[in-house]
């Protein structure tokens, strides 16, 4: 039986109406059968992983052979990640309230950036076929201001890719 499972550390996942099953991740563990999943998608999750080897073990355990792990995450040296790394996690909610006024404090999670460059992804998923790349994304934090957006869009054309991009991870379990 095919089903979509939504899993998150935030109990808001339990209200997810677009999935067949909802799971709360507790103690960094998923309660899933071994090799029972075909596809795992992690959107803006990797920057929050404190223990990459434990995360890999969970992915490797529940993913079927031939299954895919796909993710999107900021590149470790993107200006967003660099600024975030300079600000202590305990101040992230306060700073984000200025940058994203509609963002709720409960939706701000600690950042780690331990799985956020191409080399780290290759090392963690070392024997897996890998089609991971950096994508030059549009500005995401621009205070809702058109001038700031246009300015950052101009900057995005000048700076090297690794200062601006998101990593798109596509690895397949052998």
N, C-alpha and C. Protein backbone atom coordinates (compact mmCIF):
# COMPACT_ATOMS: atom_id res chain seq x y z
N UNK A 1 0.84 -1.18 0.00
CA UNK A 1 0.00 0.00 0.00
C UNK A 1 0.89 1.25 0.00
N UNK A 2 0.68 2.10 -0.96
CA UNK A 2 1.45 3.34 -1.05
C UNK A 2 0.75 4.41 -0.23
N UNK A 3 1.59 5.18 0.50
CA UNK A 3 1.04 6.29 1.27
C UNK A 3 2.10 7.38 1.44
N UNK A 4 1.61 8.57 1.68
CA UNK A 4 2.50 9.70 1.95
C UNK A 4 2.52 9.90 3.46
N UNK A 5 3.75 9.91 4.00
CA UNK A 5 3.93 10.09 5.44
C UNK A 5 4.60 11.44 5.67
N UNK A 6 4.00 12.26 6.49
CA UNK A 6 4.61 13.54 6.88
C UNK A 6 5.21 13.35 8.27
N UNK A 7 6.48 13.71 8.41
CA UNK A 7 7.16 13.57 9.70
C UNK A 7 7.89 14.86 10.03
N UNK A 8 7.84 15.26 11.29
CA UNK A 8 8.50 16.50 11.71
C UNK A 8 8.72 16.47 13.22
N UNK A 9 9.62 17.34 13.68
CA UNK A 9 9.85 17.49 15.12
C UNK A 9 8.78 18.40 15.74
N UNK A 10 8.10 19.17 14.90
CA UNK A 10 7.05 20.09 15.35
C UNK A 10 5.71 19.37 15.29
N UNK A 11 4.95 19.44 16.38
CA UNK A 11 3.68 18.71 16.40
C UNK A 11 2.64 19.31 15.45
N UNK A 12 2.96 20.41 14.77
CA UNK A 12 2.08 20.94 13.73
C UNK A 12 1.91 19.92 12.61
N UNK A 13 2.87 19.01 12.46
CA UNK A 13 2.77 17.98 11.42
C UNK A 13 1.52 17.12 11.62
N UNK A 14 1.05 17.01 12.85
CA UNK A 14 -0.12 16.17 13.14
C UNK A 14 -1.40 16.73 12.51
N UNK A 15 -1.36 18.01 12.10
CA UNK A 15 -2.51 18.66 11.46
C UNK A 15 -2.40 18.62 9.93
N UNK A 16 -1.36 17.98 9.41
CA UNK A 16 -1.11 17.95 7.96
C UNK A 16 -2.20 17.13 7.27
N UNK A 17 -3.02 17.80 6.49
CA UNK A 17 -4.14 17.14 5.80
C UNK A 17 -3.75 16.62 4.42
N UNK A 18 -2.55 16.95 3.94
CA UNK A 18 -2.15 16.51 2.60
C UNK A 18 -1.39 15.19 2.62
N UNK A 19 -1.24 14.59 3.79
CA UNK A 19 -0.55 13.31 3.90
C UNK A 19 -1.51 12.24 4.42
N UNK A 20 -1.14 10.99 4.14
CA UNK A 20 -1.98 9.87 4.60
C UNK A 20 -1.73 9.54 6.07
N UNK A 21 -0.50 9.79 6.52
CA UNK A 21 -0.11 9.48 7.90
C UNK A 21 0.81 10.59 8.40
N UNK A 22 0.68 10.94 9.66
CA UNK A 22 1.51 11.97 10.25
C UNK A 22 2.29 11.37 11.42
N UNK A 23 3.57 11.76 11.51
CA UNK A 23 4.44 11.22 12.57
C UNK A 23 5.22 12.34 13.23
N UNK A 24 5.33 12.26 14.53
CA UNK A 24 6.17 13.18 15.27
C UNK A 24 7.54 12.51 15.46
N UNK A 25 8.61 13.22 15.10
CA UNK A 25 9.96 12.69 15.28
C UNK A 25 10.36 12.96 16.73
N UNK A 26 10.67 11.90 17.46
CA UNK A 26 11.05 12.04 18.86
C UNK A 26 12.46 11.52 19.05
N UNK A 27 13.27 12.27 19.81
CA UNK A 27 14.66 11.88 20.07
C UNK A 27 15.42 11.60 18.78
N UNK A 28 15.15 12.39 17.75
CA UNK A 28 15.81 12.28 16.44
C UNK A 28 15.59 10.94 15.77
N UNK A 29 14.51 10.26 16.09
CA UNK A 29 14.25 8.94 15.50
C UNK A 29 12.87 8.88 14.87
N UNK A 30 12.82 8.20 13.74
CA UNK A 30 11.57 7.91 13.05
C UNK A 30 11.12 6.51 13.41
N UNK A 31 9.86 6.35 13.71
CA UNK A 31 9.32 5.03 14.03
C UNK A 31 8.78 4.40 12.74
N UNK A 32 9.73 3.93 11.90
CA UNK A 32 9.37 3.34 10.62
C UNK A 32 10.02 1.96 10.49
N UNK A 33 9.37 1.09 9.73
CA UNK A 33 9.94 -0.23 9.47
C UNK A 33 11.20 -0.10 8.63
N UNK A 34 12.10 -1.01 8.84
CA UNK A 34 13.36 -1.05 8.10
C UNK A 34 13.06 -1.23 6.61
N UNK A 35 13.74 -0.45 5.78
CA UNK A 35 13.63 -0.49 4.32
C UNK A 35 12.17 -0.50 3.84
N UNK A 36 11.39 0.47 4.35
CA UNK A 36 9.97 0.53 3.99
C UNK A 36 9.60 1.77 3.17
N UNK A 37 10.56 2.65 2.91
CA UNK A 37 10.27 3.92 2.26
C UNK A 37 10.97 4.00 0.90
N UNK A 38 10.25 4.50 -0.12
CA UNK A 38 10.80 4.66 -1.47
C UNK A 38 11.46 6.02 -1.68
N UNK A 39 10.93 7.06 -1.05
CA UNK A 39 11.38 8.42 -1.30
C UNK A 39 11.27 9.23 0.00
N UNK A 40 12.35 9.94 0.32
CA UNK A 40 12.34 10.85 1.47
C UNK A 40 12.68 12.23 0.94
N UNK A 41 11.84 13.20 1.31
CA UNK A 41 12.08 14.59 0.94
C UNK A 41 12.26 15.41 2.21
N UNK A 42 13.35 16.15 2.28
CA UNK A 42 13.64 17.00 3.44
C UNK A 42 13.84 18.42 2.92
N UNK A 43 12.86 19.28 3.14
CA UNK A 43 12.92 20.65 2.63
C UNK A 43 13.32 21.59 3.76
N UNK A 44 14.50 22.18 3.63
CA UNK A 44 15.07 23.07 4.65
C UNK A 44 15.12 22.38 6.02
N UNK A 45 15.73 21.21 6.02
CA UNK A 45 15.91 20.42 7.24
C UNK A 45 17.38 20.25 7.58
N UNK A 46 18.22 20.02 6.58
CA UNK A 46 19.62 19.65 6.83
C UNK A 46 20.38 20.69 7.64
N UNK A 47 20.03 21.96 7.51
CA UNK A 47 20.72 22.99 8.27
C UNK A 47 20.45 22.90 9.77
N UNK A 48 19.48 22.07 10.15
CA UNK A 48 19.12 21.92 11.57
C UNK A 48 19.63 20.61 12.18
N UNK A 49 20.30 19.78 11.40
CA UNK A 49 20.76 18.47 11.88
C UNK A 49 22.03 18.62 12.72
N UNK A 50 21.94 18.22 13.98
CA UNK A 50 23.09 18.33 14.90
C UNK A 50 24.02 17.13 14.79
N UNK A 51 23.46 15.97 14.42
CA UNK A 51 24.26 14.75 14.37
C UNK A 51 24.08 14.08 12.99
N UNK A 52 24.90 14.46 12.00
CA UNK A 52 24.74 13.91 10.65
C UNK A 52 24.82 12.39 10.57
N UNK A 53 25.68 11.75 11.34
CA UNK A 53 25.78 10.29 11.25
C UNK A 53 24.51 9.62 11.77
N UNK A 54 23.91 10.15 12.82
CA UNK A 54 22.65 9.61 13.32
C UNK A 54 21.54 9.83 12.29
N UNK A 55 21.52 11.00 11.67
CA UNK A 55 20.53 11.30 10.63
C UNK A 55 20.69 10.33 9.46
N UNK A 56 21.94 10.14 9.02
CA UNK A 56 22.21 9.19 7.93
C UNK A 56 21.72 7.79 8.31
N UNK A 57 22.00 7.35 9.51
CA UNK A 57 21.58 6.01 9.95
C UNK A 57 20.06 5.85 9.84
N UNK A 58 19.31 6.91 10.22
CA UNK A 58 17.86 6.86 10.11
C UNK A 58 17.41 6.76 8.65
N UNK A 59 18.01 7.58 7.79
CA UNK A 59 17.68 7.56 6.36
C UNK A 59 18.01 6.19 5.77
N UNK A 60 19.21 5.72 6.05
CA UNK A 60 19.68 4.44 5.51
C UNK A 60 18.82 3.28 5.99
N UNK A 61 18.38 3.34 7.23
CA UNK A 61 17.58 2.25 7.79
C UNK A 61 16.20 2.15 7.15
N UNK A 62 15.51 3.27 7.00
CA UNK A 62 14.12 3.18 6.54
C UNK A 62 13.97 3.24 5.02
N UNK A 63 15.01 3.67 4.30
CA UNK A 63 14.92 3.78 2.85
C UNK A 63 15.20 2.43 2.19
N UNK A 64 14.38 2.08 1.21
CA UNK A 64 14.58 0.85 0.45
C UNK A 64 15.81 0.98 -0.44
N UNK A 65 16.42 -0.14 -0.81
CA UNK A 65 17.48 -0.15 -1.80
C UNK A 65 16.90 0.39 -3.10
N UNK A 66 17.60 1.34 -3.73
CA UNK A 66 17.09 1.99 -4.94
C UNK A 66 16.24 3.21 -4.64
N UNK A 67 15.93 3.44 -3.35
CA UNK A 67 15.14 4.59 -2.96
C UNK A 67 15.96 5.87 -2.98
N UNK A 68 15.27 6.99 -2.98
CA UNK A 68 15.91 8.30 -3.11
C UNK A 68 15.75 9.14 -1.85
N UNK A 69 16.81 9.85 -1.51
CA UNK A 69 16.75 10.91 -0.51
C UNK A 69 16.97 12.22 -1.26
N UNK A 70 16.02 13.13 -1.14
CA UNK A 70 16.08 14.42 -1.82
C UNK A 70 15.91 15.52 -0.78
N UNK A 71 16.71 16.57 -0.91
CA UNK A 71 16.63 17.65 0.06
C UNK A 71 16.99 18.98 -0.58
N UNK A 72 16.50 20.04 0.04
CA UNK A 72 16.89 21.41 -0.31
C UNK A 72 17.33 22.08 0.98
N UNK A 73 18.49 22.75 0.93
CA UNK A 73 19.05 23.38 2.13
C UNK A 73 19.97 24.51 1.71
N UNK A 74 20.13 25.53 2.55
CA UNK A 74 21.07 26.59 2.19
C UNK A 74 22.51 26.07 2.15
N UNK A 75 23.29 26.55 1.19
CA UNK A 75 24.70 26.21 1.15
C UNK A 75 25.38 26.82 2.38
N UNK A 76 26.30 26.10 2.97
CA UNK A 76 26.99 26.50 4.20
C UNK A 76 27.61 27.90 4.11
N UNK A 77 28.07 28.30 2.92
CA UNK A 77 28.72 29.58 2.76
C UNK A 77 27.85 30.61 2.04
N UNK A 78 26.55 30.35 1.96
CA UNK A 78 25.64 31.36 1.42
C UNK A 78 25.56 32.49 2.44
N UNK A 79 25.26 33.68 1.97
CA UNK A 79 25.23 34.80 2.91
C UNK A 79 24.18 34.60 3.99
N UNK A 80 23.09 33.91 3.69
CA UNK A 80 22.07 33.63 4.71
C UNK A 80 22.65 32.73 5.80
N UNK A 81 23.34 31.66 5.41
CA UNK A 81 23.92 30.75 6.40
C UNK A 81 25.04 31.43 7.19
N UNK A 82 25.84 32.23 6.51
CA UNK A 82 26.93 32.94 7.21
C UNK A 82 26.38 33.90 8.26
N UNK A 83 25.36 34.66 7.89
CA UNK A 83 24.74 35.59 8.85
C UNK A 83 24.11 34.81 9.99
N UNK A 84 23.39 33.74 9.65
CA UNK A 84 22.77 32.90 10.68
C UNK A 84 23.80 32.33 11.64
N UNK A 85 24.95 31.93 11.11
CA UNK A 85 26.01 31.36 11.94
C UNK A 85 26.64 32.39 12.87
N UNK A 86 26.61 33.65 12.47
CA UNK A 86 27.18 34.72 13.30
C UNK A 86 26.26 35.09 14.47
N UNK A 87 24.98 34.80 14.31
CA UNK A 87 23.99 35.14 15.34
C UNK A 87 23.72 33.89 16.17
N UNK A 88 23.84 34.01 17.48
CA UNK A 88 23.56 32.86 18.35
C UNK A 88 22.12 32.40 18.16
N UNK A 89 21.93 31.08 18.23
CA UNK A 89 20.60 30.51 18.02
C UNK A 89 19.53 31.15 18.91
N UNK A 90 19.89 31.51 20.13
CA UNK A 90 18.89 32.07 21.04
C UNK A 90 18.36 33.43 20.56
N UNK A 91 19.06 34.08 19.62
CA UNK A 91 18.63 35.37 19.10
C UNK A 91 17.97 35.26 17.71
N UNK A 92 17.91 34.07 17.14
CA UNK A 92 17.35 33.90 15.80
C UNK A 92 15.90 34.39 15.70
N UNK A 93 15.08 34.04 16.67
CA UNK A 93 13.67 34.44 16.61
C UNK A 93 13.53 35.95 16.60
N UNK A 94 14.31 36.64 17.41
CA UNK A 94 14.23 38.11 17.47
C UNK A 94 14.66 38.72 16.14
N UNK A 95 15.75 38.24 15.57
CA UNK A 95 16.23 38.77 14.29
C UNK A 95 15.22 38.45 13.18
N UNK A 96 14.74 37.21 13.14
CA UNK A 96 13.78 36.83 12.10
C UNK A 96 12.47 37.60 12.21
N UNK A 97 12.10 38.04 13.41
CA UNK A 97 10.87 38.82 13.55
C UNK A 97 10.98 40.16 12.82
N UNK A 98 12.21 40.64 12.63
CA UNK A 98 12.43 41.89 11.87
C UNK A 98 12.46 41.61 10.37
N UNK A 99 13.07 40.48 9.99
CA UNK A 99 13.24 40.14 8.58
C UNK A 99 11.95 39.54 8.00
N UNK A 100 11.30 38.71 8.79
CA UNK A 100 10.05 38.07 8.38
C UNK A 100 9.00 38.33 9.45
N UNK A 101 8.37 39.50 9.42
CA UNK A 101 7.45 39.89 10.51
C UNK A 101 6.29 38.92 10.75
N UNK A 102 5.89 38.16 9.74
CA UNK A 102 4.76 37.24 9.92
C UNK A 102 5.18 35.86 10.43
N UNK A 103 6.47 35.64 10.60
CA UNK A 103 6.96 34.34 11.05
C UNK A 103 6.76 34.20 12.56
N UNK A 104 6.19 33.06 12.95
CA UNK A 104 5.94 32.80 14.37
C UNK A 104 7.23 32.32 15.04
N UNK A 105 7.43 32.71 16.28
CA UNK A 105 8.63 32.32 17.02
C UNK A 105 8.73 30.80 17.15
N UNK A 106 7.60 30.12 17.22
CA UNK A 106 7.60 28.66 17.34
C UNK A 106 8.16 27.99 16.09
N UNK A 107 8.20 28.72 14.97
CA UNK A 107 8.71 28.18 13.70
C UNK A 107 10.18 28.49 13.46
N UNK A 108 10.91 28.84 14.50
CA UNK A 108 12.34 29.13 14.40
C UNK A 108 13.08 28.01 15.13
N UNK A 109 13.95 27.33 14.40
CA UNK A 109 14.66 26.18 14.96
C UNK A 109 16.16 26.43 14.97
N UNK A 110 16.90 25.83 15.90
CA UNK A 110 18.36 26.02 15.94
C UNK A 110 19.01 25.56 14.63
N UNK A 111 20.03 26.28 14.21
CA UNK A 111 20.77 25.90 13.00
C UNK A 111 22.13 25.33 13.37
N UNK A 112 22.59 24.40 12.55
CA UNK A 112 23.86 23.71 12.80
C UNK A 112 24.82 23.80 11.61
N UNK A 113 24.31 23.68 10.39
CA UNK A 113 25.09 23.73 9.15
C UNK A 113 26.21 22.68 9.12
N UNK A 114 25.88 21.46 9.52
CA UNK A 114 26.86 20.36 9.49
C UNK A 114 26.70 19.48 8.25
N UNK A 115 25.62 19.70 7.50
CA UNK A 115 25.35 18.90 6.29
C UNK A 115 25.07 19.84 5.12
N UNK A 116 25.83 20.91 5.01
CA UNK A 116 25.45 21.96 4.08
C UNK A 116 26.50 22.38 3.08
N UNK A 117 27.35 21.46 2.67
CA UNK A 117 28.16 21.73 1.49
C UNK A 117 28.32 20.43 0.71
N UNK A 118 28.73 20.54 -0.53
CA UNK A 118 28.77 19.37 -1.41
C UNK A 118 29.71 18.30 -0.87
N UNK A 119 30.83 18.71 -0.31
CA UNK A 119 31.79 17.75 0.24
C UNK A 119 31.18 16.97 1.40
N UNK A 120 30.49 17.66 2.30
CA UNK A 120 29.85 16.98 3.44
C UNK A 120 28.80 15.98 2.96
N UNK A 121 28.00 16.37 1.98
CA UNK A 121 26.98 15.46 1.45
C UNK A 121 27.64 14.23 0.83
N UNK A 122 28.72 14.44 0.06
CA UNK A 122 29.44 13.31 -0.54
C UNK A 122 30.02 12.39 0.53
N UNK A 123 30.54 12.96 1.61
CA UNK A 123 31.11 12.14 2.69
C UNK A 123 30.04 11.35 3.44
N UNK A 124 28.93 11.99 3.72
CA UNK A 124 27.86 11.33 4.48
C UNK A 124 27.22 10.21 3.67
N UNK A 125 26.98 10.46 2.39
CA UNK A 125 26.35 9.47 1.51
C UNK A 125 27.41 8.92 0.55
N UNK A 126 28.55 8.50 1.10
CA UNK A 126 29.75 8.23 0.29
C UNK A 126 29.61 7.13 -0.75
N UNK A 127 28.82 6.12 -0.54
CA UNK A 127 28.71 5.05 -1.53
C UNK A 127 27.41 5.12 -2.33
N UNK A 128 26.70 6.21 -2.21
CA UNK A 128 25.42 6.36 -2.88
C UNK A 128 25.60 7.15 -4.18
N UNK A 129 24.95 6.73 -5.27
CA UNK A 129 24.94 7.56 -6.47
C UNK A 129 24.42 8.95 -6.11
N UNK A 130 25.11 9.99 -6.59
CA UNK A 130 24.87 11.33 -6.10
C UNK A 130 24.77 12.32 -7.26
N UNK A 131 23.66 13.04 -7.33
CA UNK A 131 23.45 14.08 -8.34
C UNK A 131 23.19 15.42 -7.67
N UNK A 132 23.86 15.69 -6.57
CA UNK A 132 23.67 16.90 -5.79
C UNK A 132 24.32 18.10 -6.48
N UNK A 133 23.69 19.27 -6.37
CA UNK A 133 24.24 20.46 -6.99
C UNK A 133 23.83 21.71 -6.21
N UNK A 134 24.51 22.82 -6.50
CA UNK A 134 24.14 24.12 -5.92
C UNK A 134 23.34 24.88 -6.97
N UNK A 135 22.25 25.48 -6.53
CA UNK A 135 21.37 26.25 -7.41
C UNK A 135 21.36 27.71 -6.95
N UNK A 136 21.54 28.61 -7.87
CA UNK A 136 21.51 30.05 -7.56
C UNK A 136 20.05 30.45 -7.33
N UNK A 137 19.70 30.62 -6.09
CA UNK A 137 18.31 30.93 -5.75
C UNK A 137 18.08 32.44 -5.75
N UNK A 138 16.82 32.81 -5.79
CA UNK A 138 16.46 34.22 -5.68
C UNK A 138 16.57 34.63 -4.22
N UNK A 139 16.69 35.94 -3.96
CA UNK A 139 16.75 36.39 -2.56
C UNK A 139 15.51 35.95 -1.79
N UNK A 140 15.73 35.42 -0.59
CA UNK A 140 14.59 34.95 0.20
C UNK A 140 14.31 35.86 1.39
N UNK A 141 15.28 36.60 1.85
CA UNK A 141 15.10 37.52 2.97
C UNK A 141 15.33 38.94 2.46
N UNK A 142 14.25 39.66 2.22
CA UNK A 142 14.39 41.01 1.69
C UNK A 142 13.42 41.98 2.37
N UNK A 143 12.95 41.64 3.56
CA UNK A 143 12.14 42.51 4.40
C UNK A 143 10.82 42.91 3.72
N UNK A 144 10.42 42.17 2.69
CA UNK A 144 9.21 42.53 1.97
C UNK A 144 9.34 43.84 1.21
N UNK A 145 10.58 44.29 1.00
CA UNK A 145 10.84 45.58 0.38
C UNK A 145 11.33 45.35 -1.06
N UNK A 146 10.64 45.95 -2.03
CA UNK A 146 10.99 45.76 -3.43
C UNK A 146 12.40 46.26 -3.74
N UNK A 147 12.80 47.40 -3.18
CA UNK A 147 14.14 47.94 -3.41
C UNK A 147 15.20 46.96 -2.92
N UNK A 148 15.03 46.42 -1.73
CA UNK A 148 15.99 45.46 -1.18
C UNK A 148 16.03 44.21 -2.06
N UNK A 149 14.86 43.77 -2.53
CA UNK A 149 14.81 42.60 -3.41
C UNK A 149 15.59 42.85 -4.71
N UNK A 150 15.36 44.01 -5.34
CA UNK A 150 16.07 44.34 -6.60
C UNK A 150 17.57 44.44 -6.34
N UNK A 151 17.97 45.07 -5.24
CA UNK A 151 19.38 45.18 -4.89
C UNK A 151 20.00 43.80 -4.69
N UNK A 152 19.34 42.95 -3.91
CA UNK A 152 19.88 41.60 -3.68
C UNK A 152 19.88 40.77 -4.96
N UNK A 153 18.91 40.98 -5.82
CA UNK A 153 18.90 40.27 -7.11
C UNK A 153 20.11 40.65 -7.94
N UNK A 154 20.49 41.92 -7.90
CA UNK A 154 21.69 42.40 -8.60
C UNK A 154 22.93 41.75 -7.99
N UNK A 155 23.01 41.74 -6.68
CA UNK A 155 24.14 41.12 -5.97
C UNK A 155 24.23 39.63 -6.32
N UNK A 156 23.08 39.00 -6.46
CA UNK A 156 23.05 37.56 -6.78
C UNK A 156 23.72 37.26 -8.11
N UNK A 157 23.74 38.23 -9.02
CA UNK A 157 24.39 38.00 -10.31
C UNK A 157 25.90 38.22 -10.25
N UNK A 158 26.37 38.91 -9.21
CA UNK A 158 27.79 39.25 -9.10
C UNK A 158 28.61 38.25 -8.30
N UNK A 159 28.02 37.72 -7.25
CA UNK A 159 28.78 36.87 -6.33
C UNK A 159 28.87 35.44 -6.83
N UNK A 160 29.91 34.72 -6.41
CA UNK A 160 30.03 33.30 -6.78
C UNK A 160 28.85 32.49 -6.25
N UNK A 161 28.56 31.43 -6.94
CA UNK A 161 27.41 30.58 -6.63
C UNK A 161 27.36 30.13 -5.17
N UNK A 162 28.49 29.74 -4.60
CA UNK A 162 28.45 29.17 -3.25
C UNK A 162 28.09 30.21 -2.18
N UNK A 163 28.12 31.52 -2.50
CA UNK A 163 27.69 32.54 -1.55
C UNK A 163 26.18 32.78 -1.59
N UNK A 164 25.52 32.23 -2.58
CA UNK A 164 24.13 32.58 -2.82
C UNK A 164 23.18 31.40 -2.84
N UNK A 165 23.70 30.26 -3.12
CA UNK A 165 22.82 29.17 -3.51
C UNK A 165 22.28 28.29 -2.41
N UNK A 166 21.35 27.49 -2.85
CA UNK A 166 20.83 26.38 -2.07
C UNK A 166 21.42 25.11 -2.64
N UNK A 167 21.60 24.12 -1.79
CA UNK A 167 22.02 22.82 -2.25
C UNK A 167 20.77 21.98 -2.49
N UNK A 168 20.74 21.35 -3.65
CA UNK A 168 19.68 20.39 -3.95
C UNK A 168 20.34 19.01 -3.91
N UNK A 169 19.90 18.20 -2.99
CA UNK A 169 20.48 16.88 -2.75
C UNK A 169 19.61 15.82 -3.42
N UNK A 170 20.26 14.99 -4.26
CA UNK A 170 19.60 13.84 -4.88
C UNK A 170 20.57 12.67 -4.77
N UNK A 171 20.33 11.81 -3.79
CA UNK A 171 21.17 10.62 -3.61
C UNK A 171 20.27 9.40 -3.59
N UNK A 172 20.82 8.32 -4.13
CA UNK A 172 20.04 7.08 -4.26
C UNK A 172 20.74 5.98 -3.47
N UNK A 173 19.95 5.33 -2.62
CA UNK A 173 20.51 4.23 -1.82
C UNK A 173 20.86 3.06 -2.74
N UNK A 174 22.11 2.58 -2.64
CA UNK A 174 22.51 1.44 -3.50
C UNK A 174 21.74 0.17 -3.17
